[in-house]
Amino acid sequence: MSNKVKIGQNETFSCNNSFLEYIVKIFFSNYRDKKIYLSIFNLDTDCIFTTDRTKTEFGFLKHVNDPSYQNLSDLELLKIDYYNSITKDILATCIHEQSIISCIIFDKLIEHHGSLHIIYTPIFAPDGTVCGVLSQGYDYTRLFWGCDKFNDNNSEFNLSRLNSLTKRQQDILYLLAIGYSQEKVSAALGIKRGTVTNVCYNISTRFGFDSYSVEKLIEQIGRYNIMKTLNVPNIDIRSMTIYFVHAKSLDFSNEVVKIIDSPF
């Protein structure tokens, strides 16, 4: 069934896809080249608009693009299918419940860990029915890992120097950056606790740092610099999706919280 509304110069649009395409054209299209993660979905949960930044950084996701995936492993391809399925379910819930959904995803893809906070907001047509969903994402990686100081990103450090480190040195540095203790690093990598200390000392010496403490080493490089530059060590780190359905009534007793552990 298609309700009709009159908008502007006697132009008639349906309250579903046609109305959605209309507001994308006159409003959201202005955001195409902005540095934001923004997408628009119709009632069939198809993506009809997305910003250039979303395509650039998340172009491997099915709802944004359909590339050859030639640079992705078989496991990463399975993850894409998995998250595509979750996205479809969340969009369907957003449309059916006519409620805002907040979603936090944490996982490893293309050798880097990341966390993304996505807010799904129903778009209402003039007659009060839902005609689509607005999805806006935020890079949540720093907050997820506890990088609460937003200046924890030393701009003076030359990140290319990290590539000169050995694989073991990089793995140790990465785990320390995401909050592992030296004992936990040694257990995760199957090495001695003293090896972790010696590696940190050698890195500090190599980079010419005055202090040899682990805390100062991470601080002088920048925790977020390490996380965004180095590949994730080949160890098991929990991947998950958390989402919250905020009921229209704002009655928090109706709020739904769901945590989905990734099967990978």
C-alpha atoms as a PDB file:
ATOM      1  CA  MET A   1       0.000   0.000   0.000  1.00  0.00           C
ATOM      2  CA  SER A   2       1.353   3.406  -0.932  1.00  0.00           C
ATOM      3  CA  ASN A   3       0.115   6.540   0.829  1.00  0.00           C
ATOM      4  CA  LYS A   4       0.358   9.786  -1.147  1.00  0.00           C
ATOM      5  CA  VAL A   5       1.434  13.184   0.157  1.00  0.00           C
ATOM      6  CA  LYS A   6       1.777  16.541  -1.559  1.00  0.00           C
ATOM      7  CA  ILE A   7       5.131  18.266  -1.290  1.00  0.00           C
ATOM      8  CA  GLY A   8       6.412  21.513  -2.846  1.00  0.00           C
ATOM      9  CA  GLN A   9       5.353  22.391  -6.352  1.00  0.00           C
ATOM     10  CA  ASN A  10       2.402  20.026  -6.591  1.00  0.00           C
ATOM     11  CA  GLU A  11       4.756  17.072  -6.761  1.00  0.00           C
ATOM     12  CA  THR A  12       3.361  13.883  -5.318  1.00  0.00           C
ATOM     13  CA  PHE A  13       5.538  11.326  -3.668  1.00  0.00           C
ATOM     14  CA  SER A  14       4.773   8.046  -1.974  1.00  0.00           C
ATOM     15  CA  CYS A  15       5.540   7.871   1.742  1.00  0.00           C
ATOM     16  CA  ASN A  16       8.073   5.109   1.246  1.00  0.00           C
ATOM     17  CA  ASN A  17      10.917   4.929  -1.270  1.00  0.00           C
ATOM     18  CA  SER A  18       9.974   7.959  -3.342  1.00  0.00           C
ATOM     19  CA  PHE A  19       9.748  10.223  -0.295  1.00  0.00           C
ATOM     20  CA  LEU A  20      13.031   8.810   1.013  1.00  0.00           C
ATOM     21  CA  GLU A  21      14.774   9.428  -2.316  1.00  0.00           C
ATOM     22  CA  TYR A  22      13.388  12.966  -2.274  1.00  0.00           C
ATOM     23  CA  ILE A  23      14.856  13.897   1.122  1.00  0.00           C
ATOM     24  CA  VAL A  24      18.155  12.219   0.215  1.00  0.00           C
ATOM     25  CA  LYS A  25      18.329  14.412  -2.875  1.00  0.00           C
ATOM     26  CA  ILE A  26      17.476  17.717  -1.186  1.00  0.00           C
ATOM     27  CA  PHE A  27      19.186  17.164   2.168  1.00  0.00           C
ATOM     28  CA  PHE A  28      21.477  14.180   2.721  1.00  0.00           C
ATOM     29  CA  SER A  29      23.256  14.487  -0.640  1.00  0.00           C
ATOM     30  CA  ASN A  30      24.951  17.593   0.786  1.00  0.00           C
ATOM     31  CA  TYR A  31      26.843  15.299   3.146  1.00  0.00           C
ATOM     32  CA  ARG A  32      28.304  13.023   0.480  1.00  0.00           C
ATOM     33  CA  ASP A  33      31.826  14.451   0.670  1.00  0.00           C
ATOM     34  CA  LYS A  34      31.794  15.223   4.398  1.00  0.00           C
ATOM     35  CA  LYS A  35      34.116  13.343   6.751  1.00  0.00           C
ATOM     36  CA  ILE A  36      31.346  11.414   8.453  1.00  0.00           C
ATOM     37  CA  TYR A  37      30.012   7.846   8.437  1.00  0.00           C
ATOM     38  CA  LEU A  38      26.424   8.179   7.232  1.00  0.00           C
ATOM     39  CA  SER A  39      24.120   5.874   5.271  1.00  0.00           C
ATOM     40  CA  ILE A  40      20.406   5.789   4.395  1.00  0.00           C
ATOM     41  CA  PHE A  41      18.414   2.548   4.093  1.00  0.00           C
ATOM     42  CA  ASN A  42      14.950   1.984   2.624  1.00  0.00           C
ATOM     43  CA  LEU A  43      12.215  -0.294   3.984  1.00  0.00           C
ATOM     44  CA  ASP A  44      13.752  -3.244   2.135  1.00  0.00           C
ATOM     45  CA  THR A  45      16.942  -2.592   4.179  1.00  0.00           C
ATOM     46  CA  ASP A  46      18.796  -1.695   0.982  1.00  0.00           C
ATOM     47  CA  CYS A  47      21.386   1.076   1.238  1.00  0.00           C
ATOM     48  CA  ILE A  48      20.335   3.908  -1.101  1.00  0.00           C
ATOM     49  CA  PHE A  49      22.864   6.527   0.007  1.00  0.00           C
ATOM     50  CA  THR A  50      26.230   6.592   1.752  1.00  0.00           C
ATOM     51  CA  THR A  51      28.979   9.152   2.221  1.00  0.00           C
ATOM     52  CA  ASP A  52      32.313   8.928   0.440  1.00  0.00           C
ATOM     53  CA  ARG A  53      34.142   8.352   3.738  1.00  0.00           C
ATOM     54  CA  THR A  54      31.946   5.361   4.521  1.00  0.00           C
ATOM     55  CA  LYS A  55      32.727   3.889   1.111  1.00  0.00           C
ATOM     56  CA  THR A  56      36.434   4.550   1.497  1.00  0.00           C
ATOM     57  CA  GLU A  57      36.843   3.051   4.963  1.00  0.00           C
ATOM     58  CA  PHE A  58      34.064   0.446   4.958  1.00  0.00           C
ATOM     59  CA  GLY A  59      33.803  -0.332   1.261  1.00  0.00           C
ATOM     60  CA  PHE A  60      34.290  -4.025   2.013  1.00  0.00           C
ATOM     61  CA  LEU A  61      30.878  -4.158   3.730  1.00  0.00           C
ATOM     62  CA  LYS A  62      28.117  -5.550   1.533  1.00  0.00           C
ATOM     63  CA  HIS A  63      25.582  -2.833   2.252  1.00  0.00           C
ATOM     64  CA  VAL A  64      28.078  -0.180   1.109  1.00  0.00           C
ATOM     65  CA  ASN A  65      29.701  -1.870  -1.845  1.00  0.00           C
ATOM     66  CA  ASP A  66      30.052  -5.198  -3.606  1.00  0.00           C
ATOM     67  CA  PRO A  67      33.729  -5.411  -4.536  1.00  0.00           C
ATOM     68  CA  SER A  68      35.675  -8.518  -5.466  1.00  0.00           C
ATOM     69  CA  TYR A  69      37.052  -8.842  -1.913  1.00  0.00           C
ATOM     70  CA  GLN A  70      40.308  -9.985  -3.493  1.00  0.00           C
ATOM     71  CA  ASN A  71      42.414  -8.730  -0.581  1.00  0.00           C
ATOM     72  CA  LEU A  72      40.367 -10.442   2.132  1.00  0.00           C
ATOM     73  CA  SER A  73      40.879 -13.876   3.665  1.00  0.00           C
ATOM     74  CA  ASP A  74      38.194 -16.570   3.760  1.00  0.00           C
ATOM     75  CA  LEU A  75      37.591 -15.799   7.443  1.00  0.00           C
ATOM     76  CA  GLU A  76      37.127 -12.097   6.700  1.00  0.00           C
ATOM     77  CA  LEU A  77      34.662 -12.939   3.945  1.00  0.00           C
ATOM     78  CA  LEU A  78      32.645 -14.970   6.460  1.00  0.00           C
ATOM     79  CA  LYS A  79      32.716 -12.021   8.847  1.00  0.00           C
ATOM     80  CA  ILE A  80      31.327  -9.747   6.142  1.00  0.00           C
ATOM     81  CA  ASP A  81      28.393 -12.113   5.598  1.00  0.00           C
ATOM     82  CA  TYR A  82      27.913 -12.328   9.349  1.00  0.00           C
ATOM     83  CA  TYR A  83      27.824  -8.572   9.912  1.00  0.00           C
ATOM     84  CA  ASN A  84      25.641  -8.074   6.856  1.00  0.00           C
ATOM     85  CA  SER A  85      23.107 -10.429   8.467  1.00  0.00           C
ATOM     86  CA  ILE A  86      23.304  -8.578  11.808  1.00  0.00           C
ATOM     87  CA  THR A  87      22.854  -5.227  10.050  1.00  0.00           C
ATOM     88  CA  LYS A  88      19.732  -6.509   8.277  1.00  0.00           C
ATOM     89  CA  ASP A  89      18.271  -7.707  11.590  1.00  0.00           C
ATOM     90  CA  ILE A  90      18.984  -4.395  13.336  1.00  0.00           C
ATOM     91  CA  LEU A  91      17.460  -2.403  10.467  1.00  0.00           C
ATOM     92  CA  ALA A  92      14.347  -4.592  10.521  1.00  0.00           C
ATOM     93  CA  THR A  93      14.017  -4.069  14.286  1.00  0.00           C
ATOM     94  CA  CYS A  94      14.485  -0.310  13.922  1.00  0.00           C
ATOM     95  CA  ILE A  95      11.719  -0.161  11.298  1.00  0.00           C
ATOM     96  CA  HIS A  96       9.325  -2.492  13.104  1.00  0.00           C
ATOM     97  CA  GLU A  97       9.768  -0.988  16.584  1.00  0.00           C
ATOM     98  CA  GLN A  98      10.044   2.578  15.243  1.00  0.00           C
ATOM     99  CA  SER A  99      12.835   3.077  17.758  1.00  0.00           C
ATOM    100  CA  ILE A 100      16.417   4.279  17.814  1.00  0.00           C
ATOM    101  CA  ILE A 101      19.040   1.528  18.084  1.00  0.00           C
ATOM    102  CA  SER A 102      22.591   2.064  19.335  1.00  0.00           C
ATOM    103  CA  CYS A 103      25.079  -0.573  18.207  1.00  0.00           C
ATOM    104  CA  ILE A 104      28.716  -1.097  19.176  1.00  0.00           C
ATOM    105  CA  ILE A 105      30.800  -3.505  17.101  1.00  0.00           C
ATOM    106  CA  PHE A 106      34.268  -4.673  18.051  1.00  0.00           C
ATOM    107  CA  ASP A 107      36.273  -6.970  15.812  1.00  0.00           C
ATOM    108  CA  LYS A 108      39.411  -7.519  13.773  1.00  0.00           C
ATOM    109  CA  LEU A 109      39.287  -7.018  10.024  1.00  0.00           C
ATOM    110  CA  ILE A 110      42.109  -6.516   7.538  1.00  0.00           C
ATOM    111  CA  GLU A 111      44.687  -7.102  10.301  1.00  0.00           C
ATOM    112  CA  HIS A 112      43.481  -4.275  12.562  1.00  0.00           C
ATOM    113  CA  HIS A 113      41.183  -4.156  15.549  1.00  0.00           C
ATOM    114  CA  GLY A 114      38.526  -1.521  15.641  1.00  0.00           C
ATOM    115  CA  SER A 115      35.337  -0.512  17.350  1.00  0.00           C
ATOM    116  CA  LEU A 116      32.468   1.315  15.702  1.00  0.00           C
ATOM    117  CA  HIS A 117      29.487   2.946  17.395  1.00  0.00           C
ATOM    118  CA  ILE A 118      26.506   3.094  15.016  1.00  0.00           C
ATOM    119  CA  ILE A 119      23.188   4.806  15.729  1.00  0.00           C
ATOM    120  CA  TYR A 120      20.199   3.673  13.652  1.00  0.00           C
ATOM    121  CA  THR A 121      17.359   6.216  13.601  1.00  0.00           C
ATOM    122  CA  PRO A 122      13.985   5.643  11.894  1.00  0.00           C
ATOM    123  CA  ILE A 123      13.008   8.255   9.287  1.00  0.00           C
ATOM    124  CA  PHE A 124       9.340   9.211   9.385  1.00  0.00           C
ATOM    125  CA  ALA A 125       7.246  10.292   6.403  1.00  0.00           C
ATOM    126  CA  PRO A 126       4.735  13.178   6.762  1.00  0.00           C
ATOM    127  CA  ASP A 127       1.924  10.734   7.511  1.00  0.00           C
ATOM    128  CA  GLY A 128       3.807   9.372  10.532  1.00  0.00           C
ATOM    129  CA  THR A 129       4.893   6.044   9.065  1.00  0.00           C
ATOM    130  CA  VAL A 130       8.514   4.906   8.938  1.00  0.00           C
ATOM    131  CA  CYS A 131       9.934   5.179   5.426  1.00  0.00           C
ATOM    132  CA  GLY A 132      13.591   4.383   6.050  1.00  0.00           C
ATOM    133  CA  VAL A 133      16.534   4.380   8.466  1.00  0.00           C
ATOM    134  CA  LEU A 134      19.391   6.829   8.984  1.00  0.00           C
ATOM    135  CA  SER A 135      22.636   5.144  10.073  1.00  0.00           C
ATOM    136  CA  GLN A 136      25.453   7.269  11.480  1.00  0.00           C
ATOM    137  CA  GLY A 137      28.714   5.773  12.706  1.00  0.00           C
ATOM    138  CA  TYR A 138      31.485   6.967  14.976  1.00  0.00           C
ATOM    139  CA  ASP A 139      34.977   5.550  15.435  1.00  0.00           C
ATOM    140  CA  TYR A 140      34.784   4.131  18.953  1.00  0.00           C
ATOM    141  CA  THR A 141      38.178   2.438  19.002  1.00  0.00           C
ATOM    142  CA  ARG A 142      39.930   4.811  21.365  1.00  0.00           C
ATOM    143  CA  LEU A 143      37.112   4.833  23.894  1.00  0.00           C
ATOM    144  CA  PHE A 144      36.649   1.069  23.667  1.00  0.00           C
ATOM    145  CA  TRP A 145      40.272   0.483  24.603  1.00  0.00           C
ATOM    146  CA  GLY A 146      40.194   3.078  27.365  1.00  0.00           C
ATOM    147  CA  CYS A 147      42.156   5.759  25.505  1.00  0.00           C
ATOM    148  CA  ASP A 148      40.166   8.341  27.433  1.00  0.00           C
ATOM    149  CA  LYS A 149      42.719  11.053  26.813  1.00  0.00           C
ATOM    150  CA  PHE A 150      41.969  12.229  23.299  1.00  0.00           C
ATOM    151  CA  ASN A 151      45.477  13.629  23.009  1.00  0.00           C
ATOM    152  CA  ASP A 152      46.835  10.094  23.453  1.00  0.00           C
ATOM    153  CA  ASN A 153      48.100  10.275  19.895  1.00  0.00           C
ATOM    154  CA  ASN A 154      51.618  11.708  19.814  1.00  0.00           C
ATOM    155  CA  SER A 155      51.718  13.601  16.497  1.00  0.00           C
ATOM    156  CA  GLU A 156      55.468  14.169  16.808  1.00  0.00           C
ATOM    157  CA  PHE A 157      56.346  10.475  16.628  1.00  0.00           C
ATOM    158  CA  ASN A 158      57.224   9.154  13.167  1.00  0.00           C
ATOM    159  CA  LEU A 159      54.940   6.136  12.780  1.00  0.00           C
ATOM    160  CA  SER A 160      57.094   4.611  10.043  1.00  0.00           C
ATOM    161  CA  ARG A 161      59.659   3.794  12.747  1.00  0.00           C
ATOM    162  CA  LEU A 162      57.290   1.151  14.096  1.00  0.00           C
ATOM    163  CA  ASN A 163      57.743  -0.824  10.869  1.00  0.00           C
ATOM    164  CA  SER A 164      61.442  -1.273  11.696  1.00  0.00           C
ATOM    165  CA  LEU A 165      60.551  -3.403  14.730  1.00  0.00           C
ATOM    166  CA  THR A 166      60.548  -7.200  14.630  1.00  0.00           C
ATOM    167  CA  LYS A 167      57.244  -9.099  14.620  1.00  0.00           C
ATOM    168  CA  ARG A 168      57.704 -10.063  18.280  1.00  0.00           C
ATOM    169  CA  GLN A 169      58.465  -6.473  19.272  1.00  0.00           C
ATOM    170  CA  GLN A 170      55.387  -5.269  17.422  1.00  0.00           C
ATOM    171  CA  ASP A 171      53.170  -7.917  19.039  1.00  0.00           C
ATOM    172  CA  ILE A 172      54.381  -7.024  22.537  1.00  0.00           C
ATOM    173  CA  LEU A 173      53.968  -3.306  21.898  1.00  0.00           C
ATOM    174  CA  TYR A 174      50.434  -3.788  20.543  1.00  0.00           C
ATOM    175  CA  LEU A 175      49.226  -5.853  23.497  1.00  0.00           C
ATOM    176  CA  LEU A 176      50.704  -3.375  25.976  1.00  0.00           C
ATOM    177  CA  ALA A 177      48.975  -0.548  24.111  1.00  0.00           C
ATOM    178  CA  ILE A 178      45.537  -2.161  24.465  1.00  0.00           C
ATOM    179  CA  GLY A 179      46.018  -2.569  28.208  1.00  0.00           C
ATOM    180  CA  TYR A 180      47.620  -5.987  28.696  1.00  0.00           C
ATOM    181  CA  SER A 181      49.924  -6.247  31.707  1.00  0.00           C
ATOM    182  CA  GLN A 182      53.430  -7.608  31.148  1.00  0.00           C
ATOM    183  CA  GLU A 183      52.369 -10.877  32.781  1.00  0.00           C
ATOM    184  CA  LYS A 184      49.352 -11.153  30.479  1.00  0.00           C
ATOM    185  CA  VAL A 185      51.506 -10.383  27.415  1.00  0.00           C
ATOM    186  CA  SER A 186      53.953 -13.138  28.339  1.00  0.00           C
ATOM    187  CA  ALA A 187      51.091 -15.616  28.807  1.00  0.00           C
ATOM    188  CA  ALA A 188      49.369 -14.644  25.551  1.00  0.00           C
ATOM    189  CA  LEU A 189      52.530 -14.925  23.455  1.00  0.00           C
ATOM    190  CA  GLY A 190      54.077 -17.871  25.329  1.00  0.00           C
ATOM    191  CA  ILE A 191      57.235 -16.003  26.320  1.00  0.00           C
ATOM    192  CA  LYS A 192      58.960 -15.190  29.610  1.00  0.00           C
ATOM    193  CA  ARG A 193      57.969 -12.150  31.640  1.00  0.00           C
ATOM    194  CA  GLY A 194      61.589 -10.938  31.501  1.00  0.00           C
ATOM    195  CA  THR A 195      61.505 -11.065  27.687  1.00  0.00           C
ATOM    196  CA  VAL A 196      58.682  -8.524  27.676  1.00  0.00           C
ATOM    197  CA  THR A 197      60.694  -6.192  29.913  1.00  0.00           C
ATOM    198  CA  ASN A 198      63.833  -6.573  27.782  1.00  0.00           C
ATOM    199  CA  VAL A 199      61.908  -5.907  24.561  1.00  0.00           C
ATOM    200  CA  CYS A 200      60.455  -2.708  25.996  1.00  0.00           C
ATOM    201  CA  TYR A 201      63.933  -1.604  27.115  1.00  0.00           C
ATOM    202  CA  ASN A 202      65.379  -2.303  23.656  1.00  0.00           C
ATOM    203  CA  ILE A 203      62.581  -0.389  21.900  1.00  0.00           C
ATOM    204  CA  SER A 204      63.045   2.601  24.214  1.00  0.00           C
ATOM    205  CA  THR A 205      66.793   2.572  23.562  1.00  0.00           C
ATOM    206  CA  ARG A 206      66.307   2.208  19.806  1.00  0.00           C
ATOM    207  CA  PHE A 207      63.928   5.174  19.654  1.00  0.00           C
ATOM    208  CA  GLY A 208      66.131   7.303  21.932  1.00  0.00           C
ATOM    209  CA  PHE A 209      63.596   7.718  24.741  1.00  0.00           C
ATOM    210  CA  ASP A 210      64.858   9.008  28.104  1.00  0.00           C
ATOM    211  CA  SER A 211      62.711   6.683  30.212  1.00  0.00           C
ATOM    212  CA  TYR A 212      62.717   2.896  30.011  1.00  0.00           C
ATOM    213  CA  SER A 213      59.389   2.260  31.774  1.00  0.00           C
ATOM    214  CA  VAL A 214      56.597   0.518  29.854  1.00  0.00           C
ATOM    215  CA  GLU A 215      54.133   3.305  30.656  1.00  0.00           C
ATOM    216  CA  LYS A 216      56.450   5.993  29.289  1.00  0.00           C
ATOM    217  CA  LEU A 217      57.231   3.919  26.203  1.00  0.00           C
ATOM    218  CA  ILE A 218      53.535   3.643  25.312  1.00  0.00           C
ATOM    219  CA  GLU A 219      52.941   7.300  26.164  1.00  0.00           C
ATOM    220  CA  GLN A 220      55.807   8.615  24.016  1.00  0.00           C
ATOM    221  CA  ILE A 221      54.707   6.647  20.951  1.00  0.00           C
ATOM    222  CA  GLY A 222      50.965   7.131  21.569  1.00  0.00           C
ATOM    223  CA  ARG A 223      48.658   4.233  22.367  1.00  0.00           C
ATOM    224  CA  TYR A 224      46.292   5.003  19.515  1.00  0.00           C
ATOM    225  CA  ASN A 225      49.247   5.385  17.132  1.00  0.00           C
ATOM    226  CA  ILE A 226      50.305   1.839  17.974  1.00  0.00           C
ATOM    227  CA  MET A 227      46.792   0.404  17.593  1.00  0.00           C
ATOM    228  CA  LYS A 228      46.115   2.000  14.222  1.00  0.00           C
ATOM    229  CA  THR A 229      49.568   1.238  12.770  1.00  0.00           C
ATOM    230  CA  LEU A 230      50.502  -2.273  13.869  1.00  0.00           C
ATOM    231  CA  ASN A 231      48.750  -5.490  12.871  1.00  0.00           C
ATOM    232  CA  VAL A 232      46.889  -7.437  15.532  1.00  0.00           C
ATOM    233  CA  PRO A 233      48.887 -10.328  17.047  1.00  0.00           C
ATOM    234  CA  ASN A 234      47.610 -13.763  16.128  1.00  0.00           C
ATOM    235  CA  ILE A 235      45.927 -14.494  19.454  1.00  0.00           C
ATOM    236  CA  ASP A 236      42.298 -14.864  20.485  1.00  0.00           C
ATOM    237  CA  ILE A 237      40.717 -11.565  21.489  1.00  0.00           C
ATOM    238  CA  ARG A 238      36.963 -11.462  22.047  1.00  0.00           C
ATOM    239  CA  SER A 239      34.902 -10.039  19.189  1.00  0.00           C
ATOM    240  CA  MET A 240      31.335  -8.947  19.823  1.00  0.00           C
ATOM    241  CA  THR A 241      28.370  -6.820  18.876  1.00  0.00           C
ATOM    242  CA  ILE A 242      26.302  -4.969  21.483  1.00  0.00           C
ATOM    243  CA  TYR A 243      23.104  -3.155  20.656  1.00  0.00           C
ATOM    244  CA  PHE A 244      20.453  -1.251  22.583  1.00  0.00           C
ATOM    245  CA  VAL A 245      16.874  -0.713  21.431  1.00  0.00           C
ATOM    246  CA  HIS A 246      15.553   2.531  22.885  1.00  0.00           C
ATOM    247  CA  ALA A 247      11.744   2.364  23.140  1.00  0.00           C
ATOM    248  CA  LYS A 248       9.803   5.360  21.824  1.00  0.00           C
ATOM    249  CA  SER A 249       8.080   5.760  25.190  1.00  0.00           C
ATOM    250  CA  LEU A 250      11.451   6.518  26.806  1.00  0.00           C
ATOM    251  CA  ASP A 251      10.390   4.053  29.500  1.00  0.00           C
ATOM    252  CA  PHE A 252      13.761   2.522  30.307  1.00  0.00           C
ATOM    253  CA  SER A 253      12.077  -0.657  31.513  1.00  0.00           C
ATOM    254  CA  ASN A 254      11.290  -1.292  27.842  1.00  0.00           C
ATOM    255  CA  GLU A 255      14.885  -0.891  26.767  1.00  0.00           C
ATOM    256  CA  VAL A 256      16.367  -3.982  25.166  1.00  0.00           C
ATOM    257  CA  VAL A 257      20.074  -4.746  25.484  1.00  0.00           C
ATOM    258  CA  LYS A 258      21.562  -7.554  23.404  1.00  0.00           C
ATOM    259  CA  ILE A 259      25.139  -8.801  23.343  1.00  0.00           C
ATOM    260  CA  ILE A 260      26.187 -11.065  20.466  1.00  0.00           C
ATOM    261  CA  ASP A 261      29.535 -12.829  20.680  1.00  0.00           C
ATOM    262  CA  SER A 262      31.092 -13.229  17.267  1.00  0.00           C
ATOM    263  CA  PRO A 263      31.404 -16.897  16.243  1.00  0.00           C
ATOM    264  CA  PHE A 264      34.861 -16.226  14.840  1.00  0.00           C
END
